[in-house]
């Protein structure tokens, strides 16, 4: 299916600036519609409003909040200016941030998000985005961009993390919609050969070759580093432009308690990552 509707979850943080830049490139490449979504709950400042406060004080607090939100829209408008006006859209929505983004994401072909970033600023914690949660809850492919990254839409070196499992298969299938004919694809497995669990007569390498892609296979040794660190370091070593991987192959509860590949990649990646669950 052609990419015709792109959603970028935008909050003005450096990661979402990179996501917007990447989304603008994708819009031009696919001639798609690009929608910016600013989801926000009540800020800590607005939560200080009390019934007993004079109306002037309440109004002043809300004016600060509204101006902050307007500044974010203005930054989006400036960065997305190359997109034709009839294909550029903006949505501002109040409510729980992760739940709101996931709900909108289900209606789009692909979602661009910034890497998870925390902020010490008093009024901004209510707009933080957790991209791994969006990948889990939306049912749609997400591309996570680290801050300051210059993305490409073709001629890339693409690393596909492959274990033959459901999540990896879903991520690869979703990636087919954005892979370009001149991309070079490397199938990577950690601690075993990429085709170790292949079914007789057919494997993931043949799937990609039949689509016309140049494919190589790599087994990465399982050392003391975490799987996430091994993948990140390998992507850097081979100058990869995109990592494709399944999200939450283990349960979210398990990863939340003891950590896991999905969360670590969403925090530490240095290149764009396409994730699907």
Protein backbone atom coordinates (compact mmCIF):
# COMPACT_ATOMS: atom_id res chain seq x y z
CA UNK A 1 0.00 0.00 0.00
CA UNK A 2 1.32 3.44 -0.95
CA UNK A 3 2.11 5.92 1.81
CA UNK A 4 -0.53 8.66 1.55
CA UNK A 5 -1.16 9.74 5.17
CA UNK A 6 1.73 10.56 7.50
CA UNK A 7 1.26 11.57 11.12
CA UNK A 8 3.99 13.30 13.10
CA UNK A 9 3.51 13.62 16.85
CA UNK A 10 5.00 17.04 17.50
CA UNK A 11 5.79 18.72 20.81
CA UNK A 12 8.66 21.04 19.89
CA UNK A 13 11.33 18.92 21.60
CA UNK A 14 14.56 18.28 19.62
CA UNK A 15 13.53 14.70 18.82
CA UNK A 16 10.19 15.78 17.41
CA UNK A 17 11.97 18.44 15.36
CA UNK A 18 14.00 15.62 13.77
CA UNK A 19 10.81 13.59 13.31
CA UNK A 20 9.13 16.52 11.56
CA UNK A 21 12.14 17.02 9.29
CA UNK A 22 12.03 13.34 8.36
CA UNK A 23 8.26 13.46 7.85
CA UNK A 24 8.61 16.47 5.52
CA UNK A 25 11.08 14.48 3.39
CA UNK A 26 8.71 11.52 3.33
CA UNK A 27 5.79 13.76 2.34
CA UNK A 28 7.69 15.06 -0.67
CA UNK A 29 8.88 11.58 -1.67
CA UNK A 30 5.43 9.97 -1.49
CA UNK A 31 3.35 13.07 -2.31
CA UNK A 32 1.41 12.30 0.86
CA UNK A 33 -0.65 14.28 3.34
CA UNK A 34 1.27 15.32 6.45
CA UNK A 35 -0.56 15.92 9.72
CA UNK A 36 1.05 17.39 12.81
CA UNK A 37 -0.51 16.28 16.09
CA UNK A 38 0.10 18.15 19.32
CA UNK A 39 -1.33 16.11 22.18
CA UNK A 40 -1.13 17.54 25.66
CA UNK A 41 -2.62 17.03 29.06
CA UNK A 42 -2.94 19.76 31.64
CA UNK A 43 0.40 21.31 32.51
CA UNK A 44 1.61 21.58 36.09
CA UNK A 45 1.09 25.31 35.80
CA UNK A 46 -2.59 25.00 34.85
CA UNK A 47 -3.07 22.44 37.61
CA UNK A 48 -2.23 25.18 40.11
CA UNK A 49 -5.53 26.94 39.34
CA UNK A 50 -7.79 26.85 42.39
CA UNK A 51 -11.49 27.82 42.73
CA UNK A 52 -10.66 30.53 45.24
CA UNK A 53 -8.23 32.35 42.89
CA UNK A 54 -9.29 35.70 41.40
CA UNK A 55 -10.43 35.37 37.79
CA UNK A 56 -7.61 37.64 36.63
CA UNK A 57 -5.06 35.20 38.04
CA UNK A 58 -6.78 32.25 36.39
CA UNK A 59 -6.86 34.08 33.08
CA UNK A 60 -3.17 34.98 33.34
CA UNK A 61 -2.20 31.35 33.96
CA UNK A 62 -4.26 30.11 31.02
CA UNK A 63 -2.83 32.84 28.79
CA UNK A 64 0.68 31.56 29.50
CA UNK A 65 -0.47 28.02 28.67
CA UNK A 66 -2.17 29.05 25.44
CA UNK A 67 0.84 31.09 24.33
CA UNK A 68 3.11 28.09 24.89
CA UNK A 69 0.81 25.92 22.78
CA UNK A 70 0.67 28.57 20.05
CA UNK A 71 4.48 28.71 19.97
CA UNK A 72 4.58 24.98 19.26
CA UNK A 73 2.18 25.36 16.33
CA UNK A 74 4.23 28.23 14.94
CA UNK A 75 7.37 26.07 15.08
CA UNK A 76 5.51 23.32 13.22
CA UNK A 77 4.29 25.74 10.57
CA UNK A 78 7.80 27.08 10.01
CA UNK A 79 9.45 23.65 9.76
CA UNK A 80 6.72 22.20 7.52
CA UNK A 81 6.56 25.20 5.17
CA UNK A 82 7.84 23.17 2.15
CA UNK A 83 4.69 21.00 2.31
CA UNK A 84 1.88 22.26 0.04
CA UNK A 85 -0.86 23.95 2.06
CA UNK A 86 -3.55 21.54 0.89
CA UNK A 87 -1.50 18.60 2.16
CA UNK A 88 -0.39 20.07 5.48
CA UNK A 89 -2.69 19.68 8.49
CA UNK A 90 -2.62 20.45 12.20
CA UNK A 91 -4.49 18.85 15.10
CA UNK A 92 -4.31 19.94 18.73
CA UNK A 93 -5.91 17.56 21.19
CA UNK A 94 -6.18 17.59 24.98
CA UNK A 95 -6.14 14.44 27.04
CA UNK A 96 -3.69 11.66 27.97
CA UNK A 97 -0.78 12.08 25.56
CA UNK A 98 0.14 8.47 24.77
CA UNK A 99 -3.50 7.34 24.48
CA UNK A 100 -4.41 10.27 22.24
CA UNK A 101 -1.47 9.77 19.86
CA UNK A 102 -2.12 6.03 19.65
CA UNK A 103 -5.79 6.60 18.83
CA UNK A 104 -4.98 9.02 16.00
CA UNK A 105 -2.11 6.84 14.78
CA UNK A 106 -4.46 3.95 13.99
CA UNK A 107 -5.86 6.00 11.09
CA UNK A 108 -2.52 6.79 9.42
CA UNK A 109 -0.14 4.82 7.22
CA UNK A 110 2.92 5.63 9.30
CA UNK A 111 3.78 7.74 12.36
CA UNK A 112 6.92 9.82 12.88
CA UNK A 113 7.98 10.36 16.48
CA UNK A 114 10.96 11.81 18.27
CA UNK A 115 13.11 9.73 20.57
CA UNK A 116 11.84 9.71 24.14
CA UNK A 117 13.10 12.86 25.86
CA UNK A 118 12.56 14.10 29.37
CA UNK A 119 12.67 17.76 30.27
CA UNK A 120 13.52 19.49 33.54
CA UNK A 121 11.36 22.42 32.59
CA UNK A 122 8.47 22.91 34.98
CA UNK A 123 5.75 23.39 32.36
CA UNK A 124 6.66 20.70 29.79
CA UNK A 125 6.49 17.28 31.42
CA UNK A 126 2.83 17.00 30.34
CA UNK A 127 3.78 16.79 26.64
CA UNK A 128 6.46 14.08 26.77
CA UNK A 129 6.02 11.28 24.23
CA UNK A 130 6.93 7.62 24.77
CA UNK A 131 7.40 6.22 21.23
CA UNK A 132 7.63 2.59 22.34
CA UNK A 133 4.18 2.87 23.92
CA UNK A 134 2.77 4.32 20.72
CA UNK A 135 4.22 1.39 18.77
CA UNK A 136 2.63 -1.02 21.25
CA UNK A 137 -0.82 0.58 21.49
CA UNK A 138 -1.45 1.93 17.99
CA UNK A 139 -1.07 -1.21 15.89
CA UNK A 140 0.69 0.91 13.25
CA UNK A 141 4.35 1.26 12.24
CA UNK A 142 6.23 4.12 13.87
CA UNK A 143 9.54 5.70 12.91
CA UNK A 144 11.51 7.03 15.85
CA UNK A 145 13.99 9.84 15.14
CA UNK A 146 16.85 10.83 17.45
CA UNK A 147 17.48 14.55 17.83
CA UNK A 148 19.79 16.10 15.26
CA UNK A 149 19.53 13.17 12.83
CA UNK A 150 19.58 13.76 9.07
CA UNK A 151 17.29 11.11 7.60
CA UNK A 152 17.08 9.73 4.06
CA UNK A 153 14.21 8.18 2.12
CA UNK A 154 16.26 6.14 -0.36
CA UNK A 155 19.79 4.86 -0.97
CA UNK A 156 19.97 3.73 2.63
CA UNK A 157 21.78 0.97 4.42
CA UNK A 158 18.96 -0.73 6.31
CA UNK A 159 19.55 -3.11 9.22
CA UNK A 160 16.68 -5.51 9.96
CA UNK A 161 16.77 -7.13 13.41
CA UNK A 162 15.48 -10.62 12.74
CA UNK A 163 14.65 -13.56 15.02
CA UNK A 164 11.87 -15.12 12.99
CA UNK A 165 9.26 -14.08 15.56
CA UNK A 166 5.86 -12.43 15.12
CA UNK A 167 6.98 -8.90 16.00
CA UNK A 168 9.99 -9.02 13.67
CA UNK A 169 7.82 -10.33 10.82
CA UNK A 170 5.28 -7.56 11.37
CA UNK A 171 8.01 -4.89 11.38
CA UNK A 172 9.53 -6.20 8.15
CA UNK A 173 6.13 -6.34 6.45
CA UNK A 174 5.40 -2.74 7.52
CA UNK A 175 8.85 -1.62 6.36
CA UNK A 176 8.13 -2.86 2.83
CA UNK A 177 5.96 0.24 2.36
CA UNK A 178 8.93 2.59 2.77
CA UNK A 179 11.89 0.59 1.50
CA UNK A 180 13.33 1.97 -1.74
CA UNK A 181 14.68 -0.06 -4.66
CA UNK A 182 18.22 1.25 -4.08
CA UNK A 183 18.28 0.44 -0.35
CA UNK A 184 20.80 -2.17 0.78
CA UNK A 185 19.36 -4.50 3.42
CA UNK A 186 21.27 -6.40 6.07
CA UNK A 187 19.42 -9.09 8.04
CA UNK A 188 20.97 -9.24 11.51
CA UNK A 189 20.47 -11.70 14.34
CA UNK A 190 22.13 -11.59 17.74
CA UNK A 191 23.60 -14.81 19.09
CA UNK A 192 22.56 -17.05 16.21
CA UNK A 193 22.53 -17.24 12.42
CA UNK A 194 19.71 -15.18 10.82
CA UNK A 195 18.35 -18.23 8.96
CA UNK A 196 18.77 -20.67 11.86
CA UNK A 197 15.03 -21.13 12.35
CA UNK A 198 13.96 -20.89 8.72
CA UNK A 199 11.31 -23.23 7.34
CA UNK A 200 12.39 -25.72 4.65
CA UNK A 201 12.30 -24.22 1.15
CA UNK A 202 11.77 -20.56 2.03
CA UNK A 203 13.34 -17.86 4.20
CA UNK A 204 13.36 -14.12 4.84
CA UNK A 205 16.31 -13.59 2.50
CA UNK A 206 14.38 -15.03 -0.45
CA UNK A 207 11.37 -12.86 0.41
CA UNK A 208 13.43 -9.68 0.07
CA UNK A 209 15.36 -10.84 -2.97
CA UNK A 210 12.09 -11.52 -4.80
CA UNK A 211 11.18 -7.90 -4.15
CA UNK A 212 14.42 -6.90 -5.87
CA UNK A 213 16.48 -5.95 -2.82
CA UNK A 214 20.19 -6.58 -2.30
CA UNK A 215 20.43 -8.60 0.93
CA UNK A 216 23.26 -9.69 3.22
CA UNK A 217 23.13 -11.82 6.38
CA UNK A 218 25.02 -11.13 9.61
CA UNK A 219 25.27 -12.99 12.91
CA UNK A 220 26.30 -10.75 15.80
CA UNK A 221 27.96 -12.50 18.75
CA UNK A 222 26.14 -12.33 22.07
CA UNK A 223 28.64 -10.82 24.48
CA UNK A 224 28.25 -8.94 27.73
CA UNK A 225 26.47 -5.98 26.14
CA UNK A 226 22.69 -5.88 25.98
CA UNK A 227 20.97 -6.76 22.70
CA UNK A 228 20.02 -3.10 22.29
CA UNK A 229 23.64 -1.97 22.69
CA UNK A 230 24.82 -4.64 20.23
CA UNK A 231 22.32 -3.46 17.62
CA UNK A 232 23.06 0.23 18.17
CA UNK A 233 26.83 -0.30 17.98
CA UNK A 234 26.49 -2.44 14.85
CA UNK A 235 24.33 0.17 13.12
CA UNK A 236 26.98 2.76 13.87
CA UNK A 237 29.82 0.50 12.68
CA UNK A 238 28.20 -0.14 9.27
CA UNK A 239 26.90 3.45 8.90
CA UNK A 240 23.28 2.29 8.76
CA UNK A 241 20.57 4.84 8.00
CA UNK A 242 17.58 2.87 9.32
CA UNK A 243 16.96 0.07 11.82
CA UNK A 244 13.85 -2.10 11.43
CA UNK A 245 12.73 -4.13 14.45
CA UNK A 246 9.73 -5.59 16.20
CA UNK A 247 8.48 -3.90 19.37
CA UNK A 248 7.82 -5.70 22.63
CA UNK A 249 8.50 -9.29 21.65
CA UNK A 250 8.46 -9.83 25.41
CA UNK A 251 5.58 -8.51 27.51
CA UNK A 252 5.51 -4.74 28.21
CA UNK A 253 5.24 -5.52 31.95
CA UNK A 254 8.43 -7.56 31.86
CA UNK A 255 10.28 -4.84 29.96
CA UNK A 256 8.92 -2.19 32.30
CA UNK A 257 10.21 -4.07 35.34
CA UNK A 258 13.63 -5.24 34.15
CA UNK A 259 14.21 -3.32 30.94
CA UNK A 260 14.34 -4.63 27.40
CA UNK A 261 15.35 -4.07 23.80
CA UNK A 262 12.33 -1.96 22.83
CA UNK A 263 12.66 0.57 25.63
CA UNK A 264 16.45 0.79 25.35
CA UNK A 265 16.34 1.39 21.60
CA UNK A 266 13.60 4.03 22.00
CA UNK A 267 15.84 5.94 24.41
CA UNK A 268 19.35 5.38 23.00
CA UNK A 269 19.10 4.99 19.20
CA UNK A 270 21.31 7.23 17.10
CA UNK A 271 19.55 6.57 13.77
CA UNK A 272 15.87 6.37 12.76
CA UNK A 273 14.15 3.16 13.85
CA UNK A 274 11.01 1.65 12.33
CA UNK A 275 9.14 -0.29 15.03
CA UNK A 276 5.97 -2.38 14.83
CA UNK A 277 4.15 -4.57 17.30
